[in-house]
């Protein structure tokens, strides 16, 4: 089976919306598995995609995912938290 080809084209429309939701779900699954490093990375990628959505497209993201991305995860991964890898 041949390897999948990666396209470097920027996502738009439904594909961007679908990828944003997928990234948020992956971050939540890492969160549930207590894998904070992977969760942080996926959350940052999902947040970058979410910020590129228009207001109308943001409304199409399920509310459960929006709440987790914008509020709950901000509590644990926000700028006010100590960044990973720092020594005490």
PDB file of N, CA and C in Angstrom:
ATOM      1  N   UNK A   1       0.851  -1.171   0.000  1.00  0.00           N
ATOM      2  CA  UNK A   1       0.000   0.000   0.000  1.00  0.00           C
ATOM      3  C   UNK A   1       0.901   1.240   0.000  1.00  0.00           C
ATOM      4  N   UNK A   2       0.699   2.139  -0.942  1.00  0.00           N
ATOM      5  CA  UNK A   2       1.551   3.330  -1.008  1.00  0.00           C
ATOM      6  C   UNK A   2       1.260   4.286   0.143  1.00  0.00           C
ATOM      7  N   UNK A   3       2.274   5.038   0.514  1.00  0.00           N
ATOM      8  CA  UNK A   3       2.123   6.021   1.594  1.00  0.00           C
ATOM      9  C   UNK A   3       1.217   7.151   1.139  1.00  0.00           C
ATOM     10  N   UNK A   4       0.535   7.744   2.090  1.00  0.00           N
ATOM     11  CA  UNK A   4      -0.331   8.881   1.779  1.00  0.00           C
ATOM     12  C   UNK A   4       0.515  10.086   1.417  1.00  0.00           C
ATOM     13  N   UNK A   5       0.069  10.822   0.431  1.00  0.00           N
ATOM     14  CA  UNK A   5       0.774  12.035   0.043  1.00  0.00           C
ATOM     15  C   UNK A   5       0.223  13.197   0.840  1.00  0.00           C
ATOM     16  N   UNK A   6       1.125  13.974   1.404  1.00  0.00           N
ATOM     17  CA  UNK A   6       0.722  15.150   2.165  1.00  0.00           C
ATOM     18  C   UNK A   6       0.647  16.337   1.224  1.00  0.00           C
ATOM     19  N   UNK A   7      -0.442  17.038   1.264  1.00  0.00           N
ATOM     20  CA  UNK A   7      -0.545  18.247   0.464  1.00  0.00           C
ATOM     21  C   UNK A   7      -0.265  19.438   1.358  1.00  0.00           C
ATOM     22  N   UNK A   8       0.446  20.399   0.817  1.00  0.00           N
ATOM     23  CA  UNK A   8       0.787  21.587   1.586  1.00  0.00           C
ATOM     24  C   UNK A   8      -0.190  22.721   1.336  1.00  0.00           C
ATOM     25  N   UNK A   9      -1.316  22.404   0.712  1.00  0.00           N
ATOM     26  CA  UNK A   9      -2.314  23.429   0.457  1.00  0.00           C
ATOM     27  C   UNK A   9      -3.005  23.798   1.764  1.00  0.00           C
ATOM     28  N   UNK A  10      -3.247  25.073   1.990  1.00  0.00           N
ATOM     29  CA  UNK A  10      -3.959  25.464   3.214  1.00  0.00           C
ATOM     30  C   UNK A  10      -5.409  24.985   3.166  1.00  0.00           C
ATOM     31  N   UNK A  11      -5.902  24.575   4.307  1.00  0.00           N
ATOM     32  CA  UNK A  11      -7.275  24.092   4.392  1.00  0.00           C
ATOM     33  C   UNK A  11      -8.253  25.255   4.331  1.00  0.00           C
ATOM     34  N   UNK A  12      -9.387  25.011   3.721  1.00  0.00           N
ATOM     35  CA  UNK A  12     -10.434  26.022   3.660  1.00  0.00           C
ATOM     36  C   UNK A  12     -11.788  25.349   3.807  1.00  0.00           C
ATOM     37  N   UNK A  13     -12.767  26.130   4.175  1.00  0.00           N
ATOM     38  CA  UNK A  13     -14.156  25.678   4.222  1.00  0.00           C
ATOM     39  C   UNK A  13     -14.395  24.499   5.136  1.00  0.00           C
ATOM     40  N   UNK A  14     -15.098  23.500   4.593  1.00  0.00           N
ATOM     41  CA  UNK A  14     -15.488  22.332   5.375  1.00  0.00           C
ATOM     42  C   UNK A  14     -14.279  21.523   5.839  1.00  0.00           C
ATOM     43  N   UNK A  15     -13.239  21.472   5.016  1.00  0.00           N
ATOM     44  CA  UNK A  15     -12.037  20.718   5.395  1.00  0.00           C
ATOM     45  C   UNK A  15     -11.364  21.343   6.615  1.00  0.00           C
ATOM     46  N   UNK A  16     -11.319  22.663   6.659  1.00  0.00           N
ATOM     47  CA  UNK A  16     -10.728  23.359   7.808  1.00  0.00           C
ATOM     48  C   UNK A  16     -11.558  23.115   9.064  1.00  0.00           C
ATOM     49  N   UNK A  17     -12.854  23.173   8.927  1.00  0.00           N
ATOM     50  CA  UNK A  17     -13.755  22.931  10.057  1.00  0.00           C
ATOM     51  C   UNK A  17     -13.599  21.509  10.580  1.00  0.00           C
ATOM     52  N   UNK A  18     -13.536  20.553   9.664  1.00  0.00           N
ATOM     53  CA  UNK A  18     -13.401  19.148  10.038  1.00  0.00           C
ATOM     54  C   UNK A  18     -12.067  18.896  10.739  1.00  0.00           C
ATOM     55  N   UNK A  19     -10.985  19.480  10.222  1.00  0.00           N
ATOM     56  CA  UNK A  19      -9.672  19.299  10.824  1.00  0.00           C
ATOM     57  C   UNK A  19      -9.598  19.950  12.204  1.00  0.00           C
ATOM     58  N   UNK A  20     -10.236  21.098  12.365  1.00  0.00           N
ATOM     59  CA  UNK A  20     -10.269  21.770  13.666  1.00  0.00           C
ATOM     60  C   UNK A  20     -10.955  20.893  14.701  1.00  0.00           C
ATOM     61  N   UNK A  21     -12.114  20.359  14.360  1.00  0.00           N
ATOM     62  CA  UNK A  21     -12.847  19.489  15.290  1.00  0.00           C
ATOM     63  C   UNK A  21     -12.044  18.235  15.610  1.00  0.00           C
ATOM     64  N   UNK A  22     -11.378  17.680  14.593  1.00  0.00           N
ATOM     65  CA  UNK A  22     -10.580  16.482  14.802  1.00  0.00           C
ATOM     66  C   UNK A  22      -9.437  16.760  15.780  1.00  0.00           C
ATOM     67  N   UNK A  23      -8.762  17.883  15.598  1.00  0.00           N
ATOM     68  CA  UNK A  23      -7.644  18.241  16.488  1.00  0.00           C
ATOM     69  C   UNK A  23      -8.114  18.443  17.925  1.00  0.00           C
ATOM     70  N   UNK A  24      -9.271  19.076  18.102  1.00  0.00           N
ATOM     71  CA  UNK A  24      -9.799  19.288  19.452  1.00  0.00           C
ATOM     72  C   UNK A  24     -10.128  17.946  20.093  1.00  0.00           C
ATOM     73  N   UNK A  25     -10.722  17.039  19.323  1.00  0.00           N
ATOM     74  CA  UNK A  25     -11.053  15.712  19.868  1.00  0.00           C
ATOM     75  C   UNK A  25      -9.803  14.936  20.246  1.00  0.00           C
ATOM     76  N   UNK A  26      -8.766  15.027  19.433  1.00  0.00           N
ATOM     77  CA  UNK A  26      -7.501  14.348  19.745  1.00  0.00           C
ATOM     78  C   UNK A  26      -6.905  14.923  21.027  1.00  0.00           C
ATOM     79  N   UNK A  27      -6.924  16.244  21.160  1.00  0.00           N
ATOM     80  CA  UNK A  27      -6.404  16.882  22.376  1.00  0.00           C
ATOM     81  C   UNK A  27      -7.191  16.428  23.600  1.00  0.00           C
ATOM     82  N   UNK A  28      -8.505  16.326  23.466  1.00  0.00           N
ATOM     83  CA  UNK A  28      -9.324  15.861  24.590  1.00  0.00           C
ATOM     84  C   UNK A  28      -9.007  14.420  24.943  1.00  0.00           C
ATOM     85  N   UNK A  29      -8.747  13.585  23.936  1.00  0.00           N
ATOM     86  CA  UNK A  29      -8.415  12.184  24.231  1.00  0.00           C
ATOM     87  C   UNK A  29      -7.073  12.095  24.948  1.00  0.00           C
ATOM     88  N   UNK A  30      -6.102  12.936  24.547  1.00  0.00           N
ATOM     89  CA  UNK A  30      -4.830  12.983  25.272  1.00  0.00           C
ATOM     90  C   UNK A  30      -5.045  13.475  26.699  1.00  0.00           C
ATOM     91  N   UNK A  31      -5.926  14.441  26.871  1.00  0.00           N
ATOM     92  CA  UNK A  31      -6.245  14.981  28.196  1.00  0.00           C
ATOM     93  C   UNK A  31      -6.827  13.889  29.082  1.00  0.00           C
ATOM     94  N   UNK A  32      -7.759  13.120  28.533  1.00  0.00           N
ATOM     95  CA  UNK A  32      -8.381  12.035  29.298  1.00  0.00           C
ATOM     96  C   UNK A  32      -7.370  10.948  29.666  1.00  0.00           C
ATOM     97  N   UNK A  33      -6.342  10.775  28.827  1.00  0.00           N
ATOM     98  CA  UNK A  33      -5.310   9.776  29.079  1.00  0.00           C
ATOM     99  C   UNK A  33      -4.181  10.324  29.954  1.00  0.00           C
ATOM    100  N   UNK A  34      -4.319  11.554  30.442  1.00  0.00           N
ATOM    101  CA  UNK A  34      -3.322  12.208  31.291  1.00  0.00           C
ATOM    102  C   UNK A  34      -1.979  12.381  30.586  1.00  0.00           C
ATOM    103  N   UNK A  35      -2.013  12.583  29.272  1.00  0.00           N
ATOM    104  CA  UNK A  35      -0.811  12.809  28.487  1.00  0.00           C
ATOM    105  C   UNK A  35      -0.728  14.304  28.203  1.00  0.00           C
ATOM    106  N   UNK A  36      -0.252  15.053  29.182  1.00  0.00           N
ATOM    107  CA  UNK A  36      -0.306  16.507  29.108  1.00  0.00           C
ATOM    108  C   UNK A  36       0.576  17.105  28.015  1.00  0.00           C
ATOM    109  N   UNK A  37       1.741  16.548  27.794  1.00  0.00           N
ATOM    110  CA  UNK A  37       2.631  17.108  26.769  1.00  0.00           C
ATOM    111  C   UNK A  37       1.988  17.004  25.383  1.00  0.00           C
ATOM    112  N   UNK A  38       1.461  15.846  25.048  1.00  0.00           N
ATOM    113  CA  UNK A  38       0.809  15.665  23.750  1.00  0.00           C
ATOM    114  C   UNK A  38      -0.457  16.511  23.666  1.00  0.00           C
ATOM    115  N   UNK A  39      -1.171  16.605  24.767  1.00  0.00           N
ATOM    116  CA  UNK A  39      -2.397  17.405  24.801  1.00  0.00           C
ATOM    117  C   UNK A  39      -2.082  18.870  24.542  1.00  0.00           C
ATOM    118  N   UNK A  40      -1.031  19.368  25.139  1.00  0.00           N
ATOM    119  CA  UNK A  40      -0.653  20.769  24.958  1.00  0.00           C
ATOM    120  C   UNK A  40      -0.341  21.066  23.490  1.00  0.00           C
ATOM    121  N   UNK A  41       0.402  20.177  22.850  1.00  0.00           N
ATOM    122  CA  UNK A  41       0.753  20.366  21.449  1.00  0.00           C
ATOM    123  C   UNK A  41      -0.460  20.352  20.540  1.00  0.00           C
ATOM    124  N   UNK A  42      -1.325  19.364  20.740  1.00  0.00           N
ATOM    125  CA  UNK A  42      -2.535  19.273  19.912  1.00  0.00           C
ATOM    126  C   UNK A  42      -3.469  20.445  20.168  1.00  0.00           C
ATOM    127  N   UNK A  43      -3.547  20.879  21.426  1.00  0.00           N
ATOM    128  CA  UNK A  43      -4.410  22.013  21.745  1.00  0.00           C
ATOM    129  C   UNK A  43      -3.920  23.275  21.049  1.00  0.00           C
ATOM    130  N   UNK A  44      -2.617  23.492  21.022  1.00  0.00           N
ATOM    131  CA  UNK A  44      -2.076  24.673  20.356  1.00  0.00           C
ATOM    132  C   UNK A  44      -2.358  24.645  18.861  1.00  0.00           C
ATOM    133  N   UNK A  45      -2.234  23.476  18.243  1.00  0.00           N
ATOM    134  CA  UNK A  45      -2.535  23.344  16.816  1.00  0.00           C
ATOM    135  C   UNK A  45      -4.025  23.580  16.559  1.00  0.00           C
ATOM    136  N   UNK A  46      -4.870  23.012  17.423  1.00  0.00           N
ATOM    137  CA  UNK A  46      -6.308  23.190  17.264  1.00  0.00           C
ATOM    138  C   UNK A  46      -6.703  24.649  17.467  1.00  0.00           C
ATOM    139  N   UNK A  47      -6.088  25.302  18.428  1.00  0.00           N
ATOM    140  CA  UNK A  47      -6.396  26.703  18.692  1.00  0.00           C
ATOM    141  C   UNK A  47      -5.986  27.585  17.513  1.00  0.00           C
ATOM    142  N   UNK A  48      -4.852  27.278  16.897  1.00  0.00           N
ATOM    143  CA  UNK A  48      -4.415  28.041  15.718  1.00  0.00           C
ATOM    144  C   UNK A  48      -5.414  27.872  14.576  1.00  0.00           C
ATOM    145  N   UNK A  49      -5.894  26.650  14.363  1.00  0.00           N
ATOM    146  CA  UNK A  49      -6.894  26.423  13.318  1.00  0.00           C
ATOM    147  C   UNK A  49      -8.209  27.112  13.665  1.00  0.00           C
ATOM    148  N   UNK A  50      -8.596  27.045  14.940  1.00  0.00           N
ATOM    149  CA  UNK A  50      -9.848  27.663  15.375  1.00  0.00           C
ATOM    150  C   UNK A  50      -9.807  29.173  15.168  1.00  0.00           C
ATOM    151  N   UNK A  51      -8.666  29.773  15.443  1.00  0.00           N
ATOM    152  CA  UNK A  51      -8.530  31.223  15.271  1.00  0.00           C
ATOM    153  C   UNK A  51      -8.627  31.633  13.802  1.00  0.00           C
ATOM    154  N   UNK A  52      -8.307  30.713  12.888  1.00  0.00           N
ATOM    155  CA  UNK A  52      -8.380  31.043  11.462  1.00  0.00           C
ATOM    156  C   UNK A  52      -9.801  30.915  10.900  1.00  0.00           C
ATOM    157  N   UNK A  53     -10.718  30.363  11.686  1.00  0.00           N
ATOM    158  CA  UNK A  53     -12.112  30.232  11.235  1.00  0.00           C
ATOM    159  C   UNK A  53     -12.830  31.575  11.306  1.00  0.00           C
ATOM    160  N   UNK A  54     -13.822  31.739  10.436  1.00  0.00           N
ATOM    161  CA  UNK A  54     -14.666  32.934  10.502  1.00  0.00           C
ATOM    162  C   UNK A  54     -15.699  32.731  11.613  1.00  0.00           C
ATOM    163  N   UNK A  55     -16.423  33.791  11.945  1.00  0.00           N
ATOM    164  CA  UNK A  55     -17.441  33.701  13.003  1.00  0.00           C
ATOM    165  C   UNK A  55     -18.507  32.670  12.658  1.00  0.00           C
ATOM    166  N   UNK A  56     -18.940  32.647  11.408  1.00  0.00           N
ATOM    167  CA  UNK A  56     -19.978  31.695  10.989  1.00  0.00           C
ATOM    168  C   UNK A  56     -19.468  30.263  11.096  1.00  0.00           C
ATOM    169  N   UNK A  57     -18.199  30.048  10.747  1.00  0.00           N
ATOM    170  CA  UNK A  57     -17.633  28.703  10.829  1.00  0.00           C
ATOM    171  C   UNK A  57     -17.415  28.286  12.277  1.00  0.00           C
ATOM    172  N   UNK A  58     -17.071  29.237  13.128  1.00  0.00           N
ATOM    173  CA  UNK A  58     -16.873  28.913  14.547  1.00  0.00           C
ATOM    174  C   UNK A  58     -18.168  28.414  15.183  1.00  0.00           C
ATOM    175  N   UNK A  59     -19.285  28.930  14.717  1.00  0.00           N
ATOM    176  CA  UNK A  59     -20.571  28.494  15.254  1.00  0.00           C
ATOM    177  C   UNK A  59     -20.880  27.050  14.879  1.00  0.00           C
ATOM    178  N   UNK A  60     -20.243  26.551  13.815  1.00  0.00           N
ATOM    179  CA  UNK A  60     -20.479  25.177  13.370  1.00  0.00           C
ATOM    180  C   UNK A  60     -19.684  24.165  14.179  1.00  0.00           C
ATOM    181  N   UNK A  61     -18.662  24.615  14.915  1.00  0.00           N
ATOM    182  CA  UNK A  61     -17.917  23.720  15.802  1.00  0.00           C
ATOM    183  C   UNK A  61     -18.840  23.380  16.970  1.00  0.00           C
ATOM    184  N   UNK A  62     -18.993  22.085  17.300  1.00  0.00           N
ATOM    185  CA  UNK A  62     -19.879  21.716  18.407  1.00  0.00           C
ATOM    186  C   UNK A  62     -19.526  22.460  19.692  1.00  0.00           C
ATOM    187  N   UNK A  63     -20.542  22.850  20.436  1.00  0.00           N
ATOM    188  CA  UNK A  63     -20.348  23.664  21.625  1.00  0.00           C
ATOM    189  C   UNK A  63     -19.467  22.970  22.663  1.00  0.00           C
ATOM    190  N   UNK A  64     -19.605  21.673  22.787  1.00  0.00           N
ATOM    191  CA  UNK A  64     -18.796  20.927  23.761  1.00  0.00           C
ATOM    192  C   UNK A  64     -17.311  21.099  23.452  1.00  0.00           C
ATOM    193  N   UNK A  65     -16.967  21.057  22.180  1.00  0.00           N
ATOM    194  CA  UNK A  65     -15.568  21.208  21.783  1.00  0.00           C
ATOM    195  C   UNK A  65     -15.093  22.639  21.990  1.00  0.00           C
ATOM    196  N   UNK A  66     -15.956  23.612  21.673  1.00  0.00           N
ATOM    197  CA  UNK A  66     -15.593  25.014  21.859  1.00  0.00           C
ATOM    198  C   UNK A  66     -15.340  25.323  23.319  1.00  0.00           C
ATOM    199  N   UNK A  67     -16.193  24.824  24.182  1.00  0.00           N
ATOM    200  CA  UNK A  67     -16.050  25.079  25.620  1.00  0.00           C
ATOM    201  C   UNK A  67     -14.749  24.484  26.128  1.00  0.00           C
ATOM    202  N   UNK A  68     -14.462  23.251  25.717  1.00  0.00           N
ATOM    203  CA  UNK A  68     -13.224  22.630  26.186  1.00  0.00           C
ATOM    204  C   UNK A  68     -12.016  23.406  25.690  1.00  0.00           C
ATOM    205  N   UNK A  69     -12.021  23.795  24.434  1.00  0.00           N
ATOM    206  CA  UNK A  69     -10.868  24.478  23.853  1.00  0.00           C
ATOM    207  C   UNK A  69     -10.653  25.857  24.447  1.00  0.00           C
ATOM    208  N   UNK A  70     -11.689  26.635  24.596  1.00  0.00           N
ATOM    209  CA  UNK A  70     -11.542  28.034  24.975  1.00  0.00           C
ATOM    210  C   UNK A  70     -11.481  28.257  26.490  1.00  0.00           C
ATOM    211  N   UNK A  71     -12.172  27.461  27.269  1.00  0.00           N
ATOM    212  CA  UNK A  71     -12.285  27.762  28.693  1.00  0.00           C
ATOM    213  C   UNK A  71     -11.623  26.721  29.591  1.00  0.00           C
ATOM    214  N   UNK A  72     -12.053  25.483  29.498  1.00  0.00           N
ATOM    215  CA  UNK A  72     -11.538  24.483  30.429  1.00  0.00           C
ATOM    216  C   UNK A  72     -10.047  24.254  30.246  1.00  0.00           C
ATOM    217  N   UNK A  73      -9.608  24.105  29.007  1.00  0.00           N
ATOM    218  CA  UNK A  73      -8.196  23.835  28.813  1.00  0.00           C
ATOM    219  C   UNK A  73      -7.347  25.073  29.085  1.00  0.00           C
ATOM    220  N   UNK A  74      -7.924  26.263  28.960  1.00  0.00           N
ATOM    221  CA  UNK A  74      -7.190  27.490  29.272  1.00  0.00           C
ATOM    222  C   UNK A  74      -6.796  27.518  30.750  1.00  0.00           C
ATOM    223  N   UNK A  75      -7.642  26.935  31.586  1.00  0.00           N
ATOM    224  CA  UNK A  75      -7.356  26.891  33.012  1.00  0.00           C
ATOM    225  C   UNK A  75      -6.057  26.135  33.287  1.00  0.00           C
ATOM    226  N   UNK A  76      -5.821  25.069  32.515  1.00  0.00           N
ATOM    227  CA  UNK A  76      -4.666  24.219  32.769  1.00  0.00           C
ATOM    228  C   UNK A  76      -3.466  24.530  31.889  1.00  0.00           C
ATOM    229  N   UNK A  77      -3.703  25.097  30.687  1.00  0.00           N
ATOM    230  CA  UNK A  77      -2.611  25.321  29.747  1.00  0.00           C
ATOM    231  C   UNK A  77      -2.420  26.786  29.404  1.00  0.00           C
ATOM    232  N   UNK A  78      -3.050  27.680  30.108  1.00  0.00           N
ATOM    233  CA  UNK A  78      -2.972  29.100  29.798  1.00  0.00           C
ATOM    234  C   UNK A  78      -1.599  29.701  30.053  1.00  0.00           C
ATOM    235  N   UNK A  79      -1.455  30.956  29.664  1.00  0.00           N
ATOM    236  CA  UNK A  79      -0.178  31.655  29.796  1.00  0.00           C
ATOM    237  C   UNK A  79       0.219  31.865  31.259  1.00  0.00           C
ATOM    238  N   UNK A  80      -0.768  31.861  32.145  1.00  0.00           N
ATOM    239  CA  UNK A  80      -0.471  32.083  33.561  1.00  0.00           C
ATOM    240  C   UNK A  80       0.133  30.853  34.243  1.00  0.00           C
ATOM    241  N   UNK A  81       0.122  29.708  33.553  1.00  0.00           N
ATOM    242  CA  UNK A  81       0.667  28.476  34.114  1.00  0.00           C
ATOM    243  C   UNK A  81       2.171  28.383  33.864  1.00  0.00           C
ATOM    244  N   UNK A  82       2.867  27.636  34.709  1.00  0.00           N
ATOM    245  CA  UNK A  82       4.290  27.422  34.532  1.00  0.00           C
ATOM    246  C   UNK A  82       4.498  26.580  33.275  1.00  0.00           C
ATOM    247  N   UNK A  83       5.354  27.015  32.359  1.00  0.00           N
ATOM    248  CA  UNK A  83       5.578  26.233  31.137  1.00  0.00           C
ATOM    249  C   UNK A  83       6.264  24.912  31.451  1.00  0.00           C
ATOM    250  N   UNK A  84       6.063  23.904  30.598  1.00  0.00           N
ATOM    251  CA  UNK A  84       6.679  22.598  30.863  1.00  0.00           C
ATOM    252  C   UNK A  84       8.200  22.658  30.712  1.00  0.00           C
ATOM    253  N   UNK A  85       8.870  21.799  31.426  1.00  0.00           N
ATOM    254  CA  UNK A  85      10.312  21.695  31.316  1.00  0.00           C
ATOM    255  C   UNK A  85      11.102  22.635  32.200  1.00  0.00           C
ATOM    256  N   UNK A  86      10.445  23.386  33.071  1.00  0.00           N
ATOM    257  CA  UNK A  86      11.175  24.286  33.968  1.00  0.00           C
ATOM    258  C   UNK A  86      11.512  23.565  35.256  1.00  0.00           C
ATOM    259  N   UNK A  87      12.675  23.837  35.761  1.00  0.00           N
ATOM    260  CA  UNK A  87      13.117  23.224  37.018  1.00  0.00           C
ATOM    261  C   UNK A  87      12.755  24.123  38.188  1.00  0.00           C
ATOM    262  N   UNK A  88      12.454  23.520  39.299  1.00  0.00           N
ATOM    263  CA  UNK A  88      12.098  24.294  40.485  1.00  0.00           C
ATOM    264  C   UNK A  88      13.312  24.636  41.284  1.00  0.00           C
TER     265      UNK A  88
END
